């Protein structure tokens, strides 16, 4: 049986909103909701309990750049609270249309 100690990755749906609203998109429920800070941190805590040497934290949506503050908060929290020696890979699945220099600088860092 697997549990939190075996988790390899978590994909966080930060929002159902998207700036494109494509008819064919899998994310059909485009309500203006966003993940709460509490849920964000609890999800990251769950991932950080993994005993694996490398884990992956992915930010998705809708369009996750609409909630870029949550991306920043999540990465900052994971870096601050991860145990020594744990490697955390980060990813963002975006349509790219909202990418701005501040996003690129953050992702590069």
Protein backbone atom coordinates (compact mmCIF):
# COMPACT_ATOMS: atom_id res chain seq x y z
CA UNK A 1 0.00 0.00 0.00
CA UNK A 2 1.28 3.46 -0.84
CA UNK A 3 0.91 6.59 1.21
CA UNK A 4 2.36 10.09 1.63
CA UNK A 5 5.86 8.65 2.01
CA UNK A 6 5.66 7.35 -1.58
CA UNK A 7 4.41 10.51 -3.30
CA UNK A 8 6.55 11.54 -6.27
CA UNK A 9 4.61 14.58 -7.48
CA UNK A 10 1.69 16.88 -6.82
CA UNK A 11 -0.07 18.97 -9.46
CA UNK A 12 -1.88 21.93 -7.95
CA UNK A 13 -4.82 23.38 -9.87
CA UNK A 14 -4.49 27.01 -8.80
CA UNK A 15 -7.55 28.25 -10.70
CA UNK A 16 -10.13 27.11 -13.21
CA UNK A 17 -9.97 30.51 -14.91
CA UNK A 18 -8.15 31.00 -18.18
CA UNK A 19 -7.53 34.00 -20.36
CA UNK A 20 -8.25 32.05 -23.58
CA UNK A 21 -11.44 30.09 -22.78
CA UNK A 22 -10.99 27.62 -25.66
CA UNK A 23 -14.12 25.56 -26.37
CA UNK A 24 -12.13 22.32 -26.68
CA UNK A 25 -10.31 22.68 -23.35
CA UNK A 26 -10.55 19.91 -20.75
CA UNK A 27 -11.04 22.59 -18.09
CA UNK A 28 -14.66 23.35 -18.95
CA UNK A 29 -15.71 24.69 -15.55
CA UNK A 30 -14.27 28.20 -15.84
CA UNK A 31 -15.66 29.57 -12.59
CA UNK A 32 -13.69 32.40 -10.98
CA UNK A 33 -12.30 30.33 -8.12
CA UNK A 34 -8.77 29.96 -6.91
CA UNK A 35 -6.97 27.65 -4.54
CA UNK A 36 -6.82 28.96 -0.99
CA UNK A 37 -3.53 29.57 0.75
CA UNK A 38 -4.46 26.94 3.30
CA UNK A 39 -5.01 24.28 0.63
CA UNK A 40 -1.80 25.29 -1.15
CA UNK A 41 0.32 24.90 1.98
CA UNK A 42 -1.39 21.67 3.07
CA UNK A 43 -0.80 20.16 -0.37
CA UNK A 44 2.87 21.10 -0.28
CA UNK A 45 3.19 19.73 3.26
CA UNK A 46 1.78 16.42 2.02
CA UNK A 47 4.32 16.29 -0.81
CA UNK A 48 7.20 17.21 1.50
CA UNK A 49 6.43 14.19 3.71
CA UNK A 50 7.68 11.95 0.90
CA UNK A 51 10.71 9.78 1.65
CA UNK A 52 11.79 9.97 -1.97
CA UNK A 53 15.04 11.84 -2.68
CA UNK A 54 13.41 13.89 -5.47
CA UNK A 55 9.86 15.19 -5.76
CA UNK A 56 8.02 17.35 -8.29
CA UNK A 57 5.67 20.27 -7.58
CA UNK A 58 3.63 21.32 -10.62
CA UNK A 59 1.38 24.36 -10.91
CA UNK A 60 -1.50 24.04 -13.38
CA UNK A 61 -4.96 25.44 -14.05
CA UNK A 62 -6.92 26.89 -16.08
CA UNK A 63 -4.07 29.34 -16.47
CA UNK A 64 -1.80 29.29 -13.40
CA UNK A 65 -0.18 32.62 -14.25
CA UNK A 66 -3.50 34.25 -13.34
CA UNK A 67 -2.57 33.23 -9.78
CA UNK A 68 1.16 33.90 -9.98
CA UNK A 69 1.23 35.05 -6.35
CA UNK A 70 0.27 31.49 -5.35
CA UNK A 71 3.09 30.07 -7.49
CA UNK A 72 5.58 32.37 -5.74
CA UNK A 73 4.16 31.54 -2.31
CA UNK A 74 4.22 27.81 -2.99
CA UNK A 75 7.82 27.75 -4.21
CA UNK A 76 8.97 29.95 -1.33
CA UNK A 77 7.19 27.75 1.21
CA UNK A 78 8.59 24.51 -0.25
CA UNK A 79 12.13 25.89 -0.27
CA UNK A 80 11.78 27.10 3.32
CA UNK A 81 10.26 23.92 4.78
CA UNK A 82 11.83 21.05 2.81
CA UNK A 83 14.16 18.75 4.67
CA UNK A 84 17.89 18.93 3.88
CA UNK A 85 18.94 16.78 0.95
CA UNK A 86 15.50 16.70 -0.63
CA UNK A 87 15.49 17.79 -4.27
CA UNK A 88 12.32 19.58 -5.36
CA UNK A 89 11.67 20.11 -9.08
CA UNK A 90 9.13 22.77 -10.00
CA UNK A 91 6.97 23.09 -13.11
CA UNK A 92 4.27 25.33 -14.52
CA UNK A 93 1.88 24.31 -17.29
CA UNK A 94 0.87 27.51 -19.03
CA UNK A 95 -0.45 28.62 -22.38
CA UNK A 96 2.38 31.17 -22.37
CA UNK A 97 0.29 34.15 -23.45
CA UNK A 98 0.67 35.95 -20.11
CA UNK A 99 4.42 35.44 -19.72
CA UNK A 100 6.06 38.67 -18.63
CA UNK A 101 9.67 39.48 -17.74
CA UNK A 102 8.89 39.05 -14.00
CA UNK A 103 7.67 35.49 -14.64
CA UNK A 104 10.70 34.60 -16.76
CA UNK A 105 13.08 36.01 -14.10
CA UNK A 106 11.33 34.00 -11.39
CA UNK A 107 11.38 30.77 -13.43
CA UNK A 108 15.03 31.30 -14.33
CA UNK A 109 15.91 31.66 -10.66
